[in-house]
PDB file of all heavy atoms in Angstrom:
ATOM      1  N   GLU A   1      14.242  -2.722   8.131  1.00  0.00           N
ATOM      2  CA  GLU A   1      13.996  -3.224   6.782  1.00  0.00           C
ATOM      3  C   GLU A   1      12.509  -3.329   6.467  1.00  0.00           C
ATOM      4  O   GLU A   1      12.092  -3.132   5.331  1.00  0.00           O
ATOM      5  CB  GLU A   1      14.668  -4.588   6.602  1.00  0.00           C
ATOM      6  CG  GLU A   1      16.188  -4.528   6.587  1.00  0.00           C
ATOM      7  CD  GLU A   1      16.729  -3.608   5.508  1.00  0.00           C
ATOM      8  OE1 GLU A   1      16.178  -3.596   4.386  1.00  0.00           O
ATOM      9  OE2 GLU A   1      17.699  -2.877   5.782  1.00  0.00           O
ATOM     10  N   THR A   2      11.685  -3.641   7.470  1.00  0.00           N
ATOM     11  CA  THR A   2      10.256  -3.832   7.213  1.00  0.00           C
ATOM     12  C   THR A   2       9.452  -2.538   7.286  1.00  0.00           C
ATOM     13  O   THR A   2       8.264  -2.531   6.974  1.00  0.00           O
ATOM     14  CB  THR A   2       9.654  -4.829   8.230  1.00  0.00           C
ATOM     15  OG1 THR A   2       9.915  -4.372   9.564  1.00  0.00           O
ATOM     16  CG2 THR A   2      10.255  -6.211   8.047  1.00  0.00           C
ATOM     17  N   THR A   3      10.074  -1.446   7.672  1.00  0.00           N
ATOM     18  CA  THR A   3       9.356  -0.164   7.774  1.00  0.00           C
ATOM     19  C   THR A   3       9.915   0.883   6.814  1.00  0.00           C
ATOM     20  O   THR A   3       9.710   2.085   7.016  1.00  0.00           O
ATOM     21  CB  THR A   3       9.419   0.385   9.211  1.00  0.00           C
ATOM     22  OG1 THR A   3      10.783   0.458   9.645  1.00  0.00           O
ATOM     23  CG2 THR A   3       8.630  -0.496  10.162  1.00  0.00           C
ATOM     24  N   ASN A   4      10.638   0.434   5.789  1.00  0.00           N
ATOM     25  CA  ASN A   4      11.190   1.351   4.780  1.00  0.00           C
ATOM     26  C   ASN A   4      12.067   2.435   5.393  1.00  0.00           C
ATOM     27  O   ASN A   4      11.994   3.601   5.020  1.00  0.00           O
ATOM     28  CB  ASN A   4      10.059   1.998   3.965  1.00  0.00           C
ATOM     29  CG  ASN A   4       9.337   1.005   3.093  1.00  0.00           C
ATOM     30  OD1 ASN A   4       9.908  -0.019   2.708  1.00  0.00           O
ATOM     31  ND2 ASN A   4       8.082   1.269   2.784  1.00  0.00           N
ATOM     32  N   MET A   5      12.891   2.049   6.362  1.00  0.00           N
ATOM     33  CA  MET A   5      13.843   2.978   6.963  1.00  0.00           C
ATOM     34  C   MET A   5      15.281   2.595   6.630  1.00  0.00           C
ATOM     35  O   MET A   5      16.224   3.159   7.177  1.00  0.00           O
ATOM     36  CB  MET A   5      13.659   3.026   8.483  1.00  0.00           C
ATOM     37  CG  MET A   5      12.328   3.615   8.923  1.00  0.00           C
ATOM     38  SD  MET A   5      12.052   3.480  10.698  1.00  0.00           S
ATOM     39  CE  MET A   5      13.372   4.505  11.354  1.00  0.00           C
ATOM     40  N   GLY A   6      15.445   1.608   5.736  1.00  0.00           N
ATOM     41  CA  GLY A   6      16.777   1.215   5.326  1.00  0.00           C
ATOM     42  C   GLY A   6      17.401   2.212   4.372  1.00  0.00           C
ATOM     43  O   GLY A   6      16.762   3.183   3.931  1.00  0.00           O
ATOM     44  N   ALA A   7      18.665   1.982   4.022  1.00  0.00           N
ATOM     45  CA  ALA A   7      19.409   2.931   3.196  1.00  0.00           C
ATOM     46  C   ALA A   7      18.744   3.129   1.839  1.00  0.00           C
ATOM     47  O   ALA A   7      18.637   4.254   1.342  1.00  0.00           O
ATOM     48  CB  ALA A   7      20.850   2.439   3.027  1.00  0.00           C
ATOM     49  N   SER A   8      18.266   2.057   1.230  1.00  0.00           N
ATOM     50  CA  SER A   8      17.650   2.155  -0.094  1.00  0.00           C
ATOM     51  C   SER A   8      16.368   2.982  -0.054  1.00  0.00           C
ATOM     52  O   SER A   8      16.160   3.867  -0.891  1.00  0.00           O
ATOM     53  CB  SER A   8      17.343   0.747  -0.623  1.00  0.00           C
ATOM     54  OG  SER A   8      16.663   0.804  -1.853  1.00  0.00           O
ATOM     55  N   ALA A   9      15.509   2.709   0.936  1.00  0.00           N
ATOM     56  CA  ALA A   9      14.231   3.430   1.034  1.00  0.00           C
ATOM     57  C   ALA A   9      14.457   4.905   1.353  1.00  0.00           C
ATOM     58  O   ALA A   9      13.785   5.781   0.800  1.00  0.00           O
ATOM     59  CB  ALA A   9      13.352   2.784   2.101  1.00  0.00           C
ATOM     60  N   VAL A  10      15.408   5.212   2.246  1.00  0.00           N
ATOM     61  CA  VAL A  10      15.679   6.606   2.607  1.00  0.00           C
ATOM     62  C   VAL A  10      16.260   7.358   1.418  1.00  0.00           C
ATOM     63  O   VAL A  10      15.932   8.533   1.187  1.00  0.00           O
ATOM     64  CB  VAL A  10      16.629   6.677   3.827  1.00  0.00           C
ATOM     65  CG1 VAL A  10      17.067   8.114   4.092  1.00  0.00           C
ATOM     66  CG2 VAL A  10      15.944   6.117   5.065  1.00  0.00           C
ATOM     67  N   ALA A  11      17.126   6.690   0.639  1.00  0.00           N
ATOM     68  CA  ALA A  11      17.708   7.328  -0.550  1.00  0.00           C
ATOM     69  C   ALA A  11      16.611   7.720  -1.540  1.00  0.00           C
ATOM     70  O   ALA A  11      16.612   8.824  -2.095  1.00  0.00           O
ATOM     71  CB  ALA A  11      18.717   6.394  -1.204  1.00  0.00           C
ATOM     72  N   LYS A  12      15.636   6.818  -1.753  1.00  0.00           N
ATOM     73  CA  LYS A  12      14.529   7.131  -2.660  1.00  0.00           C
ATOM     74  C   LYS A  12      13.655   8.252  -2.102  1.00  0.00           C
ATOM     75  O   LYS A  12      13.158   9.099  -2.852  1.00  0.00           O
ATOM     76  CB  LYS A  12      13.682   5.882  -2.890  1.00  0.00           C
ATOM     77  CG  LYS A  12      14.404   4.792  -3.684  1.00  0.00           C
ATOM     78  CD  LYS A  12      13.545   3.546  -3.826  1.00  0.00           C
ATOM     79  CE  LYS A  12      14.284   2.461  -4.597  1.00  0.00           C
ATOM     80  NZ  LYS A  12      13.486   1.206  -4.680  1.00  0.00           N
ATOM     81  N   GLN A  13      13.473   8.262  -0.781  1.00  0.00           N
ATOM     82  CA  GLN A  13      12.662   9.304  -0.152  1.00  0.00           C
ATOM     83  C   GLN A  13      13.306  10.678  -0.333  1.00  0.00           C
ATOM     84  O   GLN A  13      12.632  11.661  -0.671  1.00  0.00           O
ATOM     85  CB  GLN A  13      12.480   8.998   1.337  1.00  0.00           C
ATOM     86  CG  GLN A  13      11.638  10.033   2.080  1.00  0.00           C
ATOM     87  CD  GLN A  13      11.584   9.761   3.571  1.00  0.00           C
ATOM     88  OE1 GLN A  13      12.216   8.842   4.060  1.00  0.00           O
ATOM     89  NE2 GLN A  13      10.854  10.585   4.295  1.00  0.00           N
ATOM     90  N   ILE A  14      14.623  10.756  -0.114  1.00  0.00           N
ATOM     91  CA  ILE A  14      15.329  12.036  -0.259  1.00  0.00           C
ATOM     92  C   ILE A  14      15.277  12.501  -1.713  1.00  0.00           C
ATOM     93  O   ILE A  14      15.032  13.679  -2.001  1.00  0.00           O
ATOM     94  CB  ILE A  14      16.789  11.898   0.219  1.00  0.00           C
ATOM     95  CG1 ILE A  14      16.825  11.666   1.735  1.00  0.00           C
ATOM     96  CG2 ILE A  14      17.593  13.152  -0.133  1.00  0.00           C
ATOM     97  CD1 ILE A  14      18.223  11.410   2.284  1.00  0.00           C
ATOM     98  N   GLN A  15      15.487  11.571  -2.651  1.00  0.00           N
ATOM     99  CA  GLN A  15      15.482  11.955  -4.065  1.00  0.00           C
ATOM    100  C   GLN A  15      14.088  12.400  -4.510  1.00  0.00           C
ATOM    101  O   GLN A  15      13.946  13.367  -5.268  1.00  0.00           O
ATOM    102  CB  GLN A  15      15.956  10.796  -4.927  1.00  0.00           C
ATOM    103  CG  GLN A  15      16.130  11.189  -6.395  1.00  0.00           C
ATOM    104  CD  GLN A  15      16.462  10.009  -7.267  1.00  0.00           C
ATOM    105  OE1 GLN A  15      15.923   8.931  -7.068  1.00  0.00           O
ATOM    106  NE2 GLN A  15      17.359  10.208  -8.233  1.00  0.00           N
ATOM    107  N   SER A  16      13.045  11.713  -4.053  1.00  0.00           N
ATOM    108  CA  SER A  16      11.685  12.074  -4.474  1.00  0.00           C
ATOM    109  C   SER A  16      11.275  13.448  -3.961  1.00  0.00           C
ATOM    110  O   SER A  16      10.380  14.082  -4.520  1.00  0.00           O
ATOM    111  CB  SER A  16      10.688  11.023  -3.969  1.00  0.00           C
ATOM    112  OG  SER A  16      10.640  11.012  -2.549  1.00  0.00           O
ATOM    113  N   SER A  17      11.930  13.913  -2.899  1.00  0.00           N
ATOM    114  CA  SER A  17      11.625  15.242  -2.367  1.00  0.00           C
ATOM    115  C   SER A  17      12.395  16.338  -3.098  1.00  0.00           C
ATOM    116  O   SER A  17      12.281  17.521  -2.759  1.00  0.00           O
ATOM    117  CB  SER A  17      11.933  15.295  -0.868  1.00  0.00           C
ATOM    118  OG  SER A  17      13.321  15.132  -0.646  1.00  0.00           O
ATOM    119  N   GLY A  18      13.227  15.955  -4.094  1.00  0.00           N
ATOM    120  CA  GLY A  18      13.989  16.933  -4.855  1.00  0.00           C
ATOM    121  C   GLY A  18      15.304  17.313  -4.225  1.00  0.00           C
ATOM    122  O   GLY A  18      15.946  18.279  -4.660  1.00  0.00           O
ATOM    123  N   MET A  19      15.735  16.561  -3.199  1.00  0.00           N
ATOM    124  CA  MET A  19      16.984  16.886  -2.494  1.00  0.00           C
ATOM    125  C   MET A  19      18.075  15.912  -2.923  1.00  0.00           C
ATOM    126  O   MET A  19      17.806  14.831  -3.461  1.00  0.00           O
ATOM    127  CB  MET A  19      16.770  16.808  -0.979  1.00  0.00           C
ATOM    128  CG  MET A  19      15.595  17.624  -0.463  1.00  0.00           C
ATOM    129  SD  MET A  19      15.747  19.406  -0.723  1.00  0.00           S
ATOM    130  CE  MET A  19      16.948  19.822   0.541  1.00  0.00           C
ATOM    131  N   GLN A  20      19.335  16.310  -2.649  1.00  0.00           N
ATOM    132  CA  GLN A  20      20.475  15.454  -2.926  1.00  0.00           C
ATOM    133  C   GLN A  20      21.591  15.811  -1.961  1.00  0.00           C
ATOM    134  O   GLN A  20      21.558  16.849  -1.297  1.00  0.00           O
ATOM    135  CB  GLN A  20      20.964  15.630  -4.359  1.00  0.00           C
ATOM    136  CG  GLN A  20      21.522  17.024  -4.646  1.00  0.00           C
ATOM    137  CD  GLN A  20      21.978  17.160  -6.087  1.00  0.00           C
ATOM    138  OE1 GLN A  20      21.249  16.786  -6.997  1.00  0.00           O
ATOM    139  NE2 GLN A  20      23.179  17.692  -6.286  1.00  0.00           N
ATOM    140  N   ILE A  21      22.574  14.894  -1.861  1.00  0.00           N
ATOM    141  CA  ILE A  21      23.726  15.151  -0.993  1.00  0.00           C
ATOM    142  C   ILE A  21      24.763  15.910  -1.806  1.00  0.00           C
ATOM    143  O   ILE A  21      25.194  15.442  -2.872  1.00  0.00           O
ATOM    144  CB  ILE A  21      24.310  13.828  -0.458  1.00  0.00           C
ATOM    145  CG1 ILE A  21      23.253  13.079   0.359  1.00  0.00           C
ATOM    146  CG2 ILE A  21      25.552  14.094   0.387  1.00  0.00           C
ATOM    147  CD1 ILE A  21      23.715  11.747   0.874  1.00  0.00           C
ATOM    148  N   PRO A  22      25.174  17.106  -1.364  1.00  0.00           N
ATOM    149  CA  PRO A  22      26.139  17.907  -2.132  1.00  0.00           C
ATOM    150  C   PRO A  22      27.442  17.146  -2.366  1.00  0.00           C
ATOM    151  O   PRO A  22      27.941  16.452  -1.483  1.00  0.00           O
ATOM    152  CB  PRO A  22      26.371  19.125  -1.231  1.00  0.00           C
ATOM    153  CG  PRO A  22      25.174  19.195  -0.354  1.00  0.00           C
ATOM    154  CD  PRO A  22      24.751  17.787  -0.126  1.00  0.00           C
ATOM    155  N   GLY A  23      27.976  17.285  -3.594  1.00  0.00           N
ATOM    156  CA  GLY A  23      29.234  16.634  -3.929  1.00  0.00           C
ATOM    157  C   GLY A  23      29.074  15.249  -4.517  1.00  0.00           C
ATOM    158  O   GLY A  23      30.064  14.606  -4.879  1.00  0.00           O
ATOM    159  N   PHE A  24      27.831  14.756  -4.606  1.00  0.00           N
ATOM    160  CA  PHE A  24      27.581  13.425  -5.166  1.00  0.00           C
ATOM    161  C   PHE A  24      26.572  13.540  -6.302  1.00  0.00           C
ATOM    162  O   PHE A  24      25.722  14.433  -6.311  1.00  0.00           O
ATOM    163  CB  PHE A  24      27.048  12.467  -4.099  1.00  0.00           C
ATOM    164  CG  PHE A  24      28.032  12.152  -3.013  1.00  0.00           C
ATOM    165  CD1 PHE A  24      28.099  12.941  -1.861  1.00  0.00           C
ATOM    166  CD2 PHE A  24      28.905  11.080  -3.136  1.00  0.00           C
ATOM    167  CE1 PHE A  24      29.000  12.657  -0.857  1.00  0.00           C
ATOM    168  CE2 PHE A  24      29.811  10.788  -2.129  1.00  0.00           C
ATOM    169  CZ  PHE A  24      29.861  11.576  -0.991  1.00  0.00           C
ATOM    170  N   ARG A  25      26.689  12.595  -7.268  1.00  0.00           N
ATOM    171  CA  ARG A  25      25.738  12.581  -8.366  1.00  0.00           C
ATOM    172  C   ARG A  25      24.332  12.299  -7.859  1.00  0.00           C
ATOM    173  O   ARG A  25      24.145  11.571  -6.882  1.00  0.00           O
ATOM    174  CB  ARG A  25      26.137  11.513  -9.394  1.00  0.00           C
ATOM    175  CG  ARG A  25      27.355  11.879 -10.204  1.00  0.00           C
ATOM    176  CD  ARG A  25      27.601  10.888 -11.334  1.00  0.00           C
ATOM    177  NE  ARG A  25      27.891   9.548 -10.855  1.00  0.00           N
ATOM    178  CZ  ARG A  25      27.096   8.502 -11.008  1.00  0.00           C
ATOM    179  NH1 ARG A  25      25.931   8.645 -11.638  1.00  0.00           N
ATOM    180  NH2 ARG A  25      27.435   7.321 -10.560  1.00  0.00           N
ATOM    181  N   ARG A  26      23.334  12.862  -8.545  1.00  0.00           N
ATOM    182  CA  ARG A  26      21.939  12.645  -8.148  1.00  0.00           C
ATOM    183  C   ARG A  26      21.489  11.290  -8.684  1.00  0.00           C
ATOM    184  O   ARG A  26      20.819  11.179  -9.693  1.00  0.00           O
ATOM    185  CB  ARG A  26      21.040  13.773  -8.676  1.00  0.00           C
ATOM    186  CG  ARG A  26      19.646  13.726  -8.073  1.00  0.00           C
ATOM    187  CD  ARG A  26      18.798  14.872  -8.556  1.00  0.00           C
ATOM    188  NE  ARG A  26      17.469  14.796  -7.958  1.00  0.00           N
ATOM    189  CZ  ARG A  26      16.448  14.081  -8.457  1.00  0.00           C
ATOM    190  NH1 ARG A  26      16.628  13.425  -9.588  1.00  0.00           N
ATOM    191  NH2 ARG A  26      15.282  14.049  -7.843  1.00  0.00           N
ATOM    192  N   ASP A  27      21.914  10.274  -7.974  1.00  0.00           N
ATOM    193  CA  ASP A  27      21.608   8.900  -8.351  1.00  0.00           C
ATOM    194  C   ASP A  27      21.258   8.147  -7.063  1.00  0.00           C
ATOM    195  O   ASP A  27      22.039   8.164  -6.102  1.00  0.00           O
ATOM    196  CB  ASP A  27      22.817   8.253  -9.023  1.00  0.00           C
ATOM    197  CG  ASP A  27      22.508   6.872  -9.588  1.00  0.00           C
ATOM    198  OD1 ASP A  27      21.597   6.205  -9.054  1.00  0.00           O
ATOM    199  OD2 ASP A  27      23.182   6.453 -10.541  1.00  0.00           O
ATOM    200  N   PRO A  28      20.091   7.481  -7.012  1.00  0.00           N
ATOM    201  CA  PRO A  28      19.706   6.772  -5.778  1.00  0.00           C
ATOM    202  C   PRO A  28      20.742   5.753  -5.322  1.00  0.00           C
ATOM    203  O   PRO A  28      20.940   5.566  -4.120  1.00  0.00           O
ATOM    204  CB  PRO A  28      18.387   6.084  -6.161  1.00  0.00           C
ATOM    205  CG  PRO A  28      17.860   6.861  -7.304  1.00  0.00           C
ATOM    206  CD  PRO A  28      19.046   7.381  -8.046  1.00  0.00           C
ATOM    207  N   ARG A  29      21.443   5.127  -6.276  1.00  0.00           N
ATOM    208  CA  ARG A  29      22.436   4.123  -5.899  1.00  0.00           C
ATOM    209  C   ARG A  29      23.631   4.767  -5.212  1.00  0.00           C
ATOM    210  O   ARG A  29      24.187   4.210  -4.256  1.00  0.00           O
ATOM    211  CB  ARG A  29      22.880   3.353  -7.147  1.00  0.00           C
ATOM    212  CG  ARG A  29      21.784   2.456  -7.740  1.00  0.00           C
ATOM    213  CD  ARG A  29      22.205   1.892  -9.069  1.00  0.00           C
ATOM    214  NE  ARG A  29      22.402   2.958 -10.055  1.00  0.00           N
ATOM    215  CZ  ARG A  29      22.794   2.741 -11.311  1.00  0.00           C
ATOM    216  NH1 ARG A  29      23.030   1.515 -11.721  1.00  0.00           N
ATOM    217  NH2 ARG A  29      22.935   3.757 -12.146  1.00  0.00           N
ATOM    218  N   VAL A  30      24.020   5.956  -5.692  1.00  0.00           N
ATOM    219  CA  VAL A  30      25.132   6.673  -5.052  1.00  0.00           C
ATOM    220  C   VAL A  30      24.718   7.124  -3.657  1.00  0.00           C
ATOM    221  O   VAL A  30      25.459   6.967  -2.679  1.00  0.00           O
ATOM    222  CB  VAL A  30      25.542   7.893  -5.907  1.00  0.00           C
ATOM    223  CG1 VAL A  30      26.598   8.717  -5.171  1.00  0.00           C
ATOM    224  CG2 VAL A  30      26.056   7.449  -7.266  1.00  0.00           C
ATOM    225  N   MET A  31      23.510   7.683  -3.557  1.00  0.00           N
ATOM    226  CA  MET A  31      23.010   8.131  -2.259  1.00  0.00           C
ATOM    227  C   MET A  31      22.860   6.956  -1.298  1.00  0.00           C
ATOM    228  O   MET A  31      23.127   7.069  -0.093  1.00  0.00           O
ATOM    229  CB  MET A  31      21.670   8.842  -2.447  1.00  0.00           C
ATOM    230  CG  MET A  31      21.263   9.712  -1.274  1.00  0.00           C
ATOM    231  SD  MET A  31      19.740  10.609  -1.621  1.00  0.00           S
ATOM    232  CE  MET A  31      20.204  11.579  -3.065  1.00  0.00           C
ATOM    233  N   GLU A  32      22.455   5.805  -1.833  1.00  0.00           N
ATOM    234  CA  GLU A  32      22.301   4.610  -0.997  1.00  0.00           C
ATOM    235  C   GLU A  32      23.654   4.171  -0.434  1.00  0.00           C
ATOM    236  O   GLU A  32      23.746   3.773   0.737  1.00  0.00           O
ATOM    237  CB  GLU A  32      21.680   3.476  -1.818  1.00  0.00           C
ATOM    238  CG  GLU A  32      21.439   2.210  -1.020  1.00  0.00           C
ATOM    239  CD  GLU A  32      20.815   1.113  -1.871  1.00  0.00           C
ATOM    240  OE1 GLU A  32      20.350   1.407  -2.992  1.00  0.00           O
ATOM    241  OE2 GLU A  32      20.800  -0.051  -1.409  1.00  0.00           O
ATOM    242  N   ARG A  33      24.726   4.244  -1.258  1.00  0.00           N
ATOM    243  CA  ARG A  33      26.054   3.862  -0.772  1.00  0.00           C
ATOM    244  C   ARG A  33      26.516   4.776   0.341  1.00  0.00           C
ATOM    245  O   ARG A  33      27.147   4.328   1.308  1.00  0.00           O
ATOM    246  CB  ARG A  33      27.056   3.883  -1.932  1.00  0.00           C
ATOM    247  CG  ARG A  33      26.945   2.690  -2.869  1.00  0.00           C
ATOM    248  CD  ARG A  33      28.213   2.516  -3.683  1.00  0.00           C
ATOM    249  NE  ARG A  33      28.453   3.650  -4.567  1.00  0.00           N
ATOM    250  CZ  ARG A  33      28.002   3.749  -5.808  1.00  0.00           C
ATOM    251  NH1 ARG A  33      27.273   2.769  -6.324  1.00  0.00           N
ATOM    252  NH2 ARG A  33      28.265   4.807  -6.549  1.00  0.00           N
ATOM    253  N   VAL A  34      26.192   6.070   0.224  1.00  0.00           N
ATOM    254  CA  VAL A  34      26.559   7.016   1.287  1.00  0.00           C
ATOM    255  C   VAL A  34      25.801   6.690   2.576  1.00  0.00           C
ATOM    256  O   VAL A  34      26.379   6.648   3.669  1.00  0.00           O
ATOM    257  CB  VAL A  34      26.263   8.466   0.846  1.00  0.00           C
ATOM    258  CG1 VAL A  34      26.525   9.442   1.999  1.00  0.00           C
ATOM    259  CG2 VAL A  34      27.101   8.847  -0.365  1.00  0.00           C
ATOM    260  N   LEU A  35      24.496   6.427   2.450  1.00  0.00           N
ATOM    261  CA  LEU A  35      23.671   6.151   3.630  1.00  0.00           C
ATOM    262  C   LEU A  35      24.047   4.824   4.284  1.00  0.00           C
ATOM    263  O   LEU A  35      23.867   4.663   5.503  1.00  0.00           O
ATOM    264  CB  LEU A  35      22.194   6.143   3.240  1.00  0.00           C
ATOM    265  CG  LEU A  35      21.609   7.514   2.855  1.00  0.00           C
ATOM    266  CD1 LEU A  35      20.210   7.350   2.282  1.00  0.00           C
ATOM    267  CD2 LEU A  35      21.585   8.450   4.060  1.00  0.00           C
ATOM    268  N   LYS A  36      24.565   3.861   3.490  1.00  0.00           N
ATOM    269  CA  LYS A  36      24.957   2.574   4.055  1.00  0.00           C
ATOM    270  C   LYS A  36      26.157   2.687   4.985  1.00  0.00           C
ATOM    271  O   LYS A  36      26.440   1.764   5.753  1.00  0.00           O
ATOM    272  CB  LYS A  36      25.252   1.568   2.934  1.00  0.00           C
ATOM    273  CG  LYS A  36      23.997   0.921   2.364  1.00  0.00           C
ATOM    274  CD  LYS A  36      24.331  -0.157   1.349  1.00  0.00           C
ATOM    275  CE  LYS A  36      23.062  -0.864   0.876  1.00  0.00           C
ATOM    276  NZ  LYS A  36      23.346  -1.900  -0.135  1.00  0.00           N
ATOM    277  N   LYS A  37      26.872   3.805   4.905  1.00  0.00           N
ATOM    278  CA  LYS A  37      27.977   4.032   5.837  1.00  0.00           C
ATOM    279  C   LYS A  37      27.455   4.388   7.229  1.00  0.00           C
ATOM    280  O   LYS A  37      28.183   4.270   8.216  1.00  0.00           O
ATOM    281  CB  LYS A  37      28.876   5.157   5.327  1.00  0.00           C
ATOM    282  CG  LYS A  37      29.581   4.856   4.010  1.00  0.00           C
ATOM    283  CD  LYS A  37      30.426   6.057   3.568  1.00  0.00           C
ATOM    284  CE  LYS A  37      31.119   5.777   2.238  1.00  0.00           C
ATOM    285  NZ  LYS A  37      31.912   6.956   1.785  1.00  0.00           N
ATOM    286  N   TYR A  38      26.211   4.853   7.304  1.00  0.00           N
ATOM    287  CA  TYR A  38      25.662   5.345   8.575  1.00  0.00           C
ATOM    288  C   TYR A  38      24.513   4.473   9.099  1.00  0.00           C
ATOM    289  O   TYR A  38      24.521   4.086  10.282  1.00  0.00           O
ATOM    290  CB  TYR A  38      25.156   6.780   8.404  1.00  0.00           C
ATOM    291  CG  TYR A  38      26.206   7.765   7.981  1.00  0.00           C
ATOM    292  CD1 TYR A  38      26.394   8.096   6.643  1.00  0.00           C
ATOM    293  CD2 TYR A  38      27.027   8.370   8.925  1.00  0.00           C
ATOM    294  CE1 TYR A  38      27.370   9.003   6.246  1.00  0.00           C
ATOM    295  CE2 TYR A  38      28.012   9.281   8.542  1.00  0.00           C
ATOM    296  CZ  TYR A  38      28.173   9.592   7.208  1.00  0.00           C
ATOM    297  OH  TYR A  38      29.135  10.494   6.835  1.00  0.00           O
TER     298      TYR A  38
END
């Protein structure tokens, strides 16, 4: 949490690089929910 490696920070990092998870809307909140599973 203190090094920006949590689900929210990683979701923003992936989106800012122009990438997205196939099959999901390009929304940081959606990507964050997917990453919270892992």
